[in-house]
């Protein structure tokens, strides 16, 4: 069996992960301990993020003709890839937590919803709260004036009730 035939299923797997992804984040993981890597993988998995290490040449082949081809220049040396299909900022956000605490882990680059970001840009994206947090903040800020308005109406009604007595 030819080497290409052995590698094709891996390329297909990468293509599938990329096709479903809203975000792809590349990191250099050189020097991470097994414990750190296990904890990172567990947290990413719980957030619905696929985190894998593939040969760079196979990733380049799989990314051909996609938005993720913008990452080709960063596919050198040890590279782990996080594919986020549910929450576009989840891979960067979770990885950022580990980048801060694990010296060995570094952002390389990312493509999030079609836009390329270098390492610094990826770190900025990582600071954006999740969609659920943003929605709850929005609802909280919308709810506050309504609650205050209801309180004022109640006080007016109580005062008018007292005045009628």
N, C-alpha and C. Protein backbone atom coordinates (compact mmCIF):
# COMPACT_ATOMS: atom_id res chain seq x y z
N UNK A 1 0.84 -1.18 0.00
CA UNK A 1 0.00 0.00 0.00
C UNK A 1 0.89 1.24 0.00
N UNK A 2 0.54 2.22 -0.82
CA UNK A 2 1.33 3.44 -0.95
C UNK A 2 1.15 4.32 0.28
N UNK A 3 2.18 5.14 0.56
CA UNK A 3 2.12 6.04 1.71
C UNK A 3 0.97 7.03 1.60
N UNK A 4 0.67 7.47 0.38
CA UNK A 4 -0.41 8.44 0.17
C UNK A 4 -1.74 7.83 0.63
N UNK A 5 -1.95 6.54 0.33
CA UNK A 5 -3.19 5.88 0.72
C UNK A 5 -3.33 5.81 2.23
N UNK A 6 -2.22 5.66 2.94
CA UNK A 6 -2.25 5.61 4.40
C UNK A 6 -2.55 6.98 4.99
N UNK A 7 -2.09 8.02 4.33
CA UNK A 7 -2.25 9.38 4.84
C UNK A 7 -3.59 10.01 4.50
N UNK A 8 -4.26 9.51 3.45
CA UNK A 8 -5.51 10.11 2.99
C UNK A 8 -6.60 10.15 4.07
N UNK A 9 -6.79 9.07 4.86
CA UNK A 9 -7.82 9.14 5.91
C UNK A 9 -7.53 10.26 6.93
N UNK A 10 -6.27 10.51 7.22
CA UNK A 10 -5.89 11.57 8.15
C UNK A 10 -6.22 12.94 7.54
N UNK A 11 -5.88 13.12 6.27
CA UNK A 11 -6.19 14.37 5.57
C UNK A 11 -7.70 14.58 5.55
N UNK A 12 -8.46 13.52 5.30
CA UNK A 12 -9.92 13.60 5.29
C UNK A 12 -10.47 13.99 6.66
N UNK A 13 -9.86 13.45 7.72
CA UNK A 13 -10.28 13.79 9.09
C UNK A 13 -10.04 15.28 9.37
N UNK A 14 -8.88 15.78 8.96
CA UNK A 14 -8.56 17.20 9.15
C UNK A 14 -9.55 18.06 8.37
N UNK A 15 -9.82 17.66 7.11
CA UNK A 15 -10.77 18.41 6.27
C UNK A 15 -12.14 18.46 6.92
N UNK A 16 -12.60 17.34 7.49
CA UNK A 16 -13.90 17.29 8.14
C UNK A 16 -13.92 18.21 9.36
N UNK A 17 -12.88 18.14 10.19
CA UNK A 17 -12.81 19.01 11.36
C UNK A 17 -12.81 20.48 10.95
N UNK A 18 -12.08 20.79 9.89
CA UNK A 18 -12.00 22.18 9.41
C UNK A 18 -13.33 22.63 8.81
N UNK A 19 -14.02 21.74 8.11
CA UNK A 19 -15.29 22.10 7.48
C UNK A 19 -16.35 22.46 8.53
N UNK A 20 -16.30 21.80 9.68
CA UNK A 20 -17.27 22.05 10.75
C UNK A 20 -16.85 23.22 11.65
N UNK A 21 -15.62 23.70 11.49
CA UNK A 21 -15.06 24.67 12.44
C UNK A 21 -15.40 26.12 12.12
N UNK A 22 -15.74 26.87 13.18
CA UNK A 22 -15.87 28.33 13.09
C UNK A 22 -14.52 28.96 13.37
N UNK A 23 -13.67 28.20 14.09
CA UNK A 23 -12.35 28.72 14.46
C UNK A 23 -11.33 27.60 14.48
N UNK A 24 -10.11 27.95 14.05
CA UNK A 24 -8.97 27.05 14.15
C UNK A 24 -7.84 27.84 14.79
N UNK A 25 -7.30 27.31 15.89
CA UNK A 25 -6.22 27.98 16.60
C UNK A 25 -5.01 27.05 16.62
N UNK A 26 -3.85 27.60 16.23
CA UNK A 26 -2.61 26.84 16.25
C UNK A 26 -1.78 27.26 17.47
N UNK A 27 -1.23 26.27 18.17
CA UNK A 27 -0.35 26.56 19.30
C UNK A 27 0.92 25.72 19.21
N UNK A 28 1.98 26.27 19.78
CA UNK A 28 3.23 25.53 19.96
C UNK A 28 3.17 24.96 21.37
N UNK A 29 3.24 23.65 21.48
CA UNK A 29 3.05 22.99 22.77
C UNK A 29 4.35 22.41 23.33
N UNK A 30 5.48 22.73 22.71
CA UNK A 30 6.78 22.19 23.12
C UNK A 30 7.03 22.38 24.62
N UNK A 31 7.34 21.31 25.30
CA UNK A 31 7.73 21.40 26.70
C UNK A 31 6.60 21.28 27.71
N UNK A 32 5.37 21.05 27.24
CA UNK A 32 4.28 20.86 28.19
C UNK A 32 4.42 19.51 28.88
N UNK A 33 4.04 19.45 30.15
CA UNK A 33 4.06 18.17 30.85
C UNK A 33 2.82 17.38 30.48
N UNK A 34 2.85 16.09 30.75
CA UNK A 34 1.71 15.23 30.46
C UNK A 34 0.49 15.70 31.26
N UNK A 35 0.70 16.10 32.52
CA UNK A 35 -0.41 16.56 33.37
C UNK A 35 -1.05 17.82 32.79
N UNK A 36 -0.22 18.77 32.35
CA UNK A 36 -0.73 20.01 31.76
C UNK A 36 -1.51 19.72 30.49
N UNK A 37 -0.96 18.87 29.64
CA UNK A 37 -1.60 18.52 28.38
C UNK A 37 -2.93 17.80 28.63
N UNK A 38 -2.96 16.90 29.59
CA UNK A 38 -4.18 16.16 29.91
C UNK A 38 -5.27 17.10 30.41
N UNK A 39 -4.91 18.03 31.29
CA UNK A 39 -5.88 18.99 31.82
C UNK A 39 -6.42 19.89 30.70
N UNK A 40 -5.51 20.34 29.83
CA UNK A 40 -5.91 21.18 28.70
C UNK A 40 -6.87 20.44 27.77
N UNK A 41 -6.51 19.22 27.40
CA UNK A 41 -7.35 18.43 26.50
C UNK A 41 -8.75 18.19 27.10
N UNK A 42 -8.79 17.91 28.40
CA UNK A 42 -10.07 17.66 29.09
C UNK A 42 -10.96 18.90 29.01
N UNK A 43 -10.40 20.06 29.32
CA UNK A 43 -11.20 21.29 29.31
C UNK A 43 -11.67 21.63 27.90
N UNK A 44 -10.81 21.44 26.91
CA UNK A 44 -11.19 21.70 25.52
C UNK A 44 -12.30 20.75 25.08
N UNK A 45 -12.15 19.47 25.42
CA UNK A 45 -13.16 18.47 25.05
C UNK A 45 -14.52 18.82 25.66
N UNK A 46 -14.53 19.24 26.94
CA UNK A 46 -15.78 19.61 27.62
C UNK A 46 -16.45 20.80 26.94
N UNK A 47 -15.66 21.65 26.28
CA UNK A 47 -16.21 22.82 25.58
C UNK A 47 -16.57 22.50 24.13
N UNK A 48 -16.43 21.24 23.74
CA UNK A 48 -16.76 20.84 22.37
C UNK A 48 -15.68 21.20 21.35
N UNK A 49 -14.44 21.38 21.83
CA UNK A 49 -13.33 21.74 20.96
C UNK A 49 -12.50 20.49 20.66
N UNK A 50 -12.19 20.28 19.39
CA UNK A 50 -11.32 19.16 18.99
C UNK A 50 -9.89 19.68 19.01
N UNK A 51 -9.02 18.98 19.74
CA UNK A 51 -7.63 19.40 19.90
C UNK A 51 -6.74 18.23 19.52
N UNK A 52 -5.94 18.41 18.46
CA UNK A 52 -5.12 17.30 17.97
C UNK A 52 -3.77 17.80 17.47
N UNK A 53 -2.87 16.85 17.32
CA UNK A 53 -1.57 17.12 16.72
C UNK A 53 -1.49 16.26 15.46
N UNK A 54 -1.24 16.92 14.33
CA UNK A 54 -1.09 16.23 13.05
C UNK A 54 0.24 16.64 12.44
N UNK A 55 0.67 15.88 11.44
CA UNK A 55 1.86 16.29 10.69
C UNK A 55 1.52 17.56 9.91
N UNK A 56 2.41 18.54 9.95
CA UNK A 56 2.17 19.83 9.30
C UNK A 56 1.87 19.70 7.81
N UNK A 57 2.56 18.78 7.14
CA UNK A 57 2.34 18.61 5.69
C UNK A 57 0.91 18.13 5.40
N UNK A 58 0.37 17.29 6.27
CA UNK A 58 -1.00 16.79 6.08
C UNK A 58 -2.01 17.90 6.34
N UNK A 59 -1.71 18.76 7.32
CA UNK A 59 -2.60 19.88 7.62
C UNK A 59 -2.62 20.85 6.44
N UNK A 60 -1.44 21.15 5.89
CA UNK A 60 -1.36 22.05 4.73
C UNK A 60 -2.20 21.50 3.58
N UNK A 61 -2.08 20.19 3.34
CA UNK A 61 -2.84 19.57 2.25
C UNK A 61 -4.34 19.67 2.52
N UNK A 62 -4.76 19.45 3.76
CA UNK A 62 -6.18 19.50 4.11
C UNK A 62 -6.75 20.92 4.05
N UNK A 63 -5.92 21.92 4.37
CA UNK A 63 -6.37 23.31 4.41
C UNK A 63 -6.39 23.98 3.04
N UNK A 64 -5.81 23.33 2.01
CA UNK A 64 -5.77 23.91 0.66
C UNK A 64 -7.16 24.34 0.21
N UNK A 65 -7.24 25.58 -0.28
CA UNK A 65 -8.50 26.08 -0.82
C UNK A 65 -9.52 26.50 0.23
N UNK A 66 -9.14 26.54 1.51
CA UNK A 66 -10.06 26.97 2.56
C UNK A 66 -9.51 28.25 3.20
N UNK A 67 -10.33 28.90 4.03
CA UNK A 67 -9.87 30.08 4.79
C UNK A 67 -8.68 29.74 5.67
N UNK A 68 -8.61 28.48 6.09
CA UNK A 68 -7.56 28.06 7.01
C UNK A 68 -6.19 27.94 6.35
N UNK A 69 -6.15 28.02 5.01
CA UNK A 69 -4.87 27.99 4.29
C UNK A 69 -4.00 29.19 4.68
N UNK A 70 -4.62 30.23 5.25
CA UNK A 70 -3.88 31.41 5.71
C UNK A 70 -2.90 31.05 6.84
N UNK A 71 -3.08 29.88 7.43
CA UNK A 71 -2.24 29.45 8.55
C UNK A 71 -1.00 28.68 8.10
N UNK A 72 -0.89 28.40 6.80
CA UNK A 72 0.22 27.58 6.30
C UNK A 72 1.60 28.03 6.76
N UNK A 73 1.83 29.33 6.81
CA UNK A 73 3.14 29.85 7.22
C UNK A 73 3.49 29.53 8.66
N UNK A 74 2.50 29.18 9.46
CA UNK A 74 2.73 28.88 10.88
C UNK A 74 2.84 27.37 11.14
N UNK A 75 2.70 26.58 10.10
CA UNK A 75 2.75 25.12 10.25
C UNK A 75 4.19 24.63 10.14
N UNK A 76 4.97 25.02 11.13
CA UNK A 76 6.37 24.58 11.24
C UNK A 76 6.62 24.23 12.69
N UNK A 77 7.41 23.18 12.89
CA UNK A 77 7.71 22.75 14.26
C UNK A 77 6.49 22.10 14.89
N UNK A 78 6.61 21.78 16.18
CA UNK A 78 5.49 21.13 16.87
C UNK A 78 4.26 22.05 16.93
N UNK A 79 3.18 21.60 16.34
CA UNK A 79 1.96 22.42 16.28
C UNK A 79 0.75 21.58 16.67
N UNK A 80 0.00 22.08 17.62
CA UNK A 80 -1.27 21.46 17.98
C UNK A 80 -2.37 22.36 17.41
N UNK A 81 -3.47 21.74 17.03
CA UNK A 81 -4.58 22.48 16.41
C UNK A 81 -5.84 22.29 17.23
N UNK A 82 -6.52 23.41 17.50
CA UNK A 82 -7.81 23.36 18.19
C UNK A 82 -8.88 23.81 17.20
N UNK A 83 -9.86 22.93 16.97
CA UNK A 83 -10.98 23.23 16.07
C UNK A 83 -12.21 23.54 16.93
N UNK A 84 -12.76 24.72 16.78
CA UNK A 84 -13.97 25.09 17.52
C UNK A 84 -15.16 25.18 16.59
N UNK A 85 -16.14 24.32 16.78
CA UNK A 85 -17.30 24.33 15.88
C UNK A 85 -18.54 24.93 16.52
N UNK A 86 -18.61 24.97 17.85
CA UNK A 86 -19.80 25.50 18.51
C UNK A 86 -19.63 26.98 18.83
N UNK A 87 -18.63 27.30 19.62
CA UNK A 87 -18.36 28.67 20.05
C UNK A 87 -17.05 29.09 19.39
N UNK A 88 -17.10 30.13 18.56
CA UNK A 88 -15.92 30.54 17.79
C UNK A 88 -14.76 31.01 18.67
N UNK A 89 -15.06 31.53 19.85
CA UNK A 89 -13.97 32.04 20.70
C UNK A 89 -13.51 31.01 21.73
N UNK A 90 -14.21 29.90 21.88
CA UNK A 90 -13.88 28.90 22.90
C UNK A 90 -12.45 28.37 22.81
N UNK A 91 -11.98 27.96 21.61
CA UNK A 91 -10.61 27.43 21.57
C UNK A 91 -9.58 28.46 22.06
N UNK A 92 -9.68 29.68 21.56
CA UNK A 92 -8.72 30.72 21.95
C UNK A 92 -8.85 31.06 23.43
N UNK A 93 -10.09 31.13 23.93
CA UNK A 93 -10.32 31.49 25.32
C UNK A 93 -9.74 30.46 26.28
N UNK A 94 -9.98 29.18 26.01
CA UNK A 94 -9.48 28.12 26.89
C UNK A 94 -7.97 28.01 26.77
N UNK A 95 -7.46 28.06 25.55
CA UNK A 95 -6.01 27.98 25.36
C UNK A 95 -5.30 29.16 26.04
N UNK A 96 -5.92 30.35 26.00
CA UNK A 96 -5.31 31.54 26.60
C UNK A 96 -5.08 31.35 28.10
N UNK A 97 -6.03 30.68 28.73
CA UNK A 97 -5.89 30.40 30.17
C UNK A 97 -4.61 29.59 30.43
N UNK A 98 -4.34 28.64 29.56
CA UNK A 98 -3.17 27.79 29.71
C UNK A 98 -1.90 28.50 29.23
N UNK A 99 -2.03 29.36 28.22
CA UNK A 99 -0.87 30.11 27.73
C UNK A 99 -0.32 30.98 28.88
N UNK A 100 -1.21 31.54 29.70
CA UNK A 100 -0.80 32.38 30.83
C UNK A 100 -0.09 31.57 31.91
N UNK A 101 -0.59 30.35 32.17
CA UNK A 101 -0.05 29.57 33.29
C UNK A 101 1.02 28.55 32.90
N UNK A 102 1.10 28.20 31.62
CA UNK A 102 2.06 27.19 31.16
C UNK A 102 3.05 27.87 30.20
N UNK A 103 4.27 28.06 30.67
CA UNK A 103 5.28 28.76 29.86
C UNK A 103 5.53 28.09 28.51
N UNK A 104 5.37 26.77 28.47
CA UNK A 104 5.69 26.02 27.25
C UNK A 104 4.67 26.21 26.14
N UNK A 105 3.47 26.69 26.46
CA UNK A 105 2.41 26.81 25.47
C UNK A 105 2.36 28.24 24.92
N UNK A 106 2.34 28.35 23.57
CA UNK A 106 2.30 29.67 22.93
C UNK A 106 1.33 29.65 21.75
N UNK A 107 0.60 30.77 21.59
CA UNK A 107 -0.23 30.91 20.39
C UNK A 107 0.70 31.07 19.19
N UNK A 108 0.30 30.48 18.06
CA UNK A 108 1.01 30.72 16.80
C UNK A 108 0.17 31.67 15.94
N UNK A 109 -1.09 31.27 15.69
CA UNK A 109 -2.00 32.07 14.87
C UNK A 109 -3.37 31.40 14.89
N UNK A 110 -4.35 32.07 14.30
CA UNK A 110 -5.68 31.48 14.22
C UNK A 110 -6.46 32.06 13.05
N UNK A 111 -7.50 31.35 12.66
CA UNK A 111 -8.50 31.88 11.74
C UNK A 111 -9.82 31.67 12.46
N UNK A 112 -10.48 32.80 12.75
CA UNK A 112 -11.74 32.75 13.48
C UNK A 112 -12.81 33.41 12.61
N UNK A 113 -13.82 32.61 12.28
CA UNK A 113 -14.90 33.03 11.39
C UNK A 113 -14.36 33.69 10.13
N UNK A 114 -13.34 33.05 9.53
CA UNK A 114 -12.81 33.48 8.25
C UNK A 114 -11.71 34.54 8.31
N UNK A 115 -11.45 35.11 9.50
CA UNK A 115 -10.46 36.17 9.63
C UNK A 115 -9.18 35.64 10.27
N UNK A 116 -8.05 35.97 9.64
CA UNK A 116 -6.74 35.55 10.14
C UNK A 116 -6.29 36.46 11.29
N UNK A 117 -5.74 35.86 12.34
CA UNK A 117 -5.16 36.60 13.47
C UNK A 117 -3.78 36.02 13.79
N UNK A 118 -2.80 36.90 14.02
CA UNK A 118 -1.50 36.42 14.46
C UNK A 118 -1.60 36.07 15.94
N UNK A 119 -0.47 35.76 16.58
CA UNK A 119 -0.48 35.36 17.99
C UNK A 119 -1.09 36.44 18.88
N UNK A 120 -0.71 37.70 18.66
CA UNK A 120 -1.22 38.80 19.48
C UNK A 120 -2.73 38.99 19.25
N UNK A 121 -3.15 38.90 18.00
CA UNK A 121 -4.58 39.03 17.68
C UNK A 121 -5.40 37.91 18.28
N UNK A 122 -4.83 36.71 18.29
CA UNK A 122 -5.51 35.56 18.88
C UNK A 122 -5.69 35.78 20.38
N UNK A 123 -4.69 36.35 21.03
CA UNK A 123 -4.78 36.64 22.47
C UNK A 123 -5.89 37.65 22.74
N UNK A 124 -6.06 38.62 21.85
CA UNK A 124 -7.12 39.62 22.01
C UNK A 124 -8.49 38.95 21.86
N UNK A 125 -8.63 38.09 20.86
CA UNK A 125 -9.89 37.36 20.64
C UNK A 125 -10.21 36.50 21.87
N UNK A 126 -9.17 35.93 22.47
CA UNK A 126 -9.36 35.07 23.63
C UNK A 126 -9.96 35.82 24.82
N UNK A 127 -9.79 37.13 24.84
CA UNK A 127 -10.32 37.94 25.95
C UNK A 127 -11.82 38.21 25.81
N UNK A 128 -12.38 37.89 24.65
CA UNK A 128 -13.82 38.11 24.43
C UNK A 128 -14.59 37.02 25.18
N UNK A 129 -15.55 37.40 26.01
CA UNK A 129 -16.34 36.40 26.75
C UNK A 129 -17.15 35.52 25.79
N UNK A 130 -17.60 34.40 26.29
CA UNK A 130 -18.40 33.48 25.47
C UNK A 130 -19.73 34.14 25.11
N UNK A 131 -20.38 33.59 24.11
CA UNK A 131 -21.67 34.10 23.63
C UNK A 131 -22.70 34.11 24.77
N UNK A 132 -22.70 33.03 25.57
CA UNK A 132 -23.66 32.92 26.67
C UNK A 132 -23.45 34.03 27.69
N UNK A 133 -22.19 34.33 28.00
CA UNK A 133 -21.87 35.39 28.97
C UNK A 133 -22.32 36.74 28.41
N UNK A 134 -22.03 36.98 27.14
CA UNK A 134 -22.44 38.25 26.52
C UNK A 134 -23.96 38.41 26.52
N UNK A 135 -24.67 37.33 26.20
CA UNK A 135 -26.14 37.39 26.19
C UNK A 135 -26.67 37.65 27.60
N UNK A 136 -26.11 36.98 28.60
CA UNK A 136 -26.59 37.19 29.97
C UNK A 136 -26.30 38.61 30.43
N UNK A 137 -25.16 39.17 30.04
CA UNK A 137 -24.85 40.57 30.37
C UNK A 137 -25.86 41.52 29.70
N UNK A 138 -26.17 41.24 28.44
CA UNK A 138 -27.14 42.07 27.72
C UNK A 138 -28.51 42.00 28.39
N UNK A 139 -28.94 40.80 28.71
CA UNK A 139 -30.24 40.65 29.37
C UNK A 139 -30.25 41.33 30.73
N UNK A 140 -29.15 41.24 31.45
CA UNK A 140 -29.04 41.90 32.74
C UNK A 140 -29.15 43.41 32.61
N UNK A 141 -28.49 43.96 31.59
CA UNK A 141 -28.53 45.41 31.40
C UNK A 141 -29.90 45.86 30.90
N UNK A 142 -30.60 45.00 30.15
CA UNK A 142 -31.96 45.33 29.71
C UNK A 142 -32.96 45.20 30.86
N UNK A 143 -32.73 44.23 31.71
CA UNK A 143 -33.65 43.94 32.79
C UNK A 143 -33.59 45.02 33.88
N UNK A 144 -32.44 45.58 34.12
CA UNK A 144 -32.25 46.55 35.19
C UNK A 144 -33.18 47.77 35.07
N UNK A 145 -33.24 48.47 33.92
CA UNK A 145 -34.16 49.61 33.81
C UNK A 145 -35.63 49.21 33.96
N UNK A 146 -35.98 48.03 33.46
CA UNK A 146 -37.36 47.56 33.57
C UNK A 146 -37.72 47.33 35.03
N UNK A 147 -36.81 46.72 35.78
CA UNK A 147 -37.03 46.47 37.20
C UNK A 147 -37.18 47.79 37.95
N UNK A 148 -36.29 48.73 37.65
CA UNK A 148 -36.37 50.04 38.30
C UNK A 148 -37.69 50.75 37.97
N UNK A 149 -38.11 50.67 36.74
CA UNK A 149 -39.37 51.29 36.30
C UNK A 149 -40.55 50.67 37.05
N UNK A 150 -40.55 49.34 37.18
CA UNK A 150 -41.62 48.64 37.89
C UNK A 150 -41.65 49.07 39.36
N UNK A 151 -40.48 49.24 39.96
CA UNK A 151 -40.37 49.67 41.34
C UNK A 151 -40.99 51.07 41.53
N UNK A 152 -40.68 51.98 40.61
CA UNK A 152 -41.20 53.35 40.66
C UNK A 152 -42.72 53.33 40.52
N UNK A 153 -43.25 52.55 39.58
CA UNK A 153 -44.70 52.45 39.40
C UNK A 153 -45.37 51.93 40.67
N UNK A 154 -44.74 50.94 41.30
CA UNK A 154 -45.29 50.36 42.53
C UNK A 154 -45.33 51.42 43.64
N UNK A 155 -44.25 52.20 43.76
CA UNK A 155 -44.19 53.25 44.78
C UNK A 155 -45.26 54.32 44.53
N UNK A 156 -45.45 54.69 43.27
CA UNK A 156 -46.48 55.67 42.90
C UNK A 156 -47.86 55.12 43.28
N UNK A 157 -48.09 53.87 42.94
CA UNK A 157 -49.38 53.24 43.24
C UNK A 157 -49.62 53.19 44.74
N UNK A 158 -48.57 52.86 45.51
CA UNK A 158 -48.71 52.81 46.97
C UNK A 158 -49.01 54.19 47.54
N UNK A 159 -48.32 55.22 47.02
CA UNK A 159 -48.57 56.59 47.50
C UNK A 159 -49.99 57.06 47.18
N UNK A 160 -50.46 56.70 45.98
CA UNK A 160 -51.83 57.09 45.58
C UNK A 160 -52.84 56.31 46.44
N UNK A 161 -52.52 55.09 46.79
CA UNK A 161 -53.38 54.28 47.67
C UNK A 161 -53.45 54.91 49.06
N UNK A 162 -52.31 55.38 49.56
CA UNK A 162 -52.27 56.05 50.87
C UNK A 162 -53.04 57.35 50.81
N UNK A 163 -52.93 58.10 49.72
CA UNK A 163 -53.61 59.38 49.56
C UNK A 163 -55.13 59.19 49.50
N UNK A 164 -55.57 58.09 48.90
CA UNK A 164 -57.01 57.82 48.78
C UNK A 164 -57.62 57.50 50.13
N UNK A 165 -56.82 56.90 51.04
CA UNK A 165 -57.32 56.53 52.37
C UNK A 165 -57.47 57.78 53.15
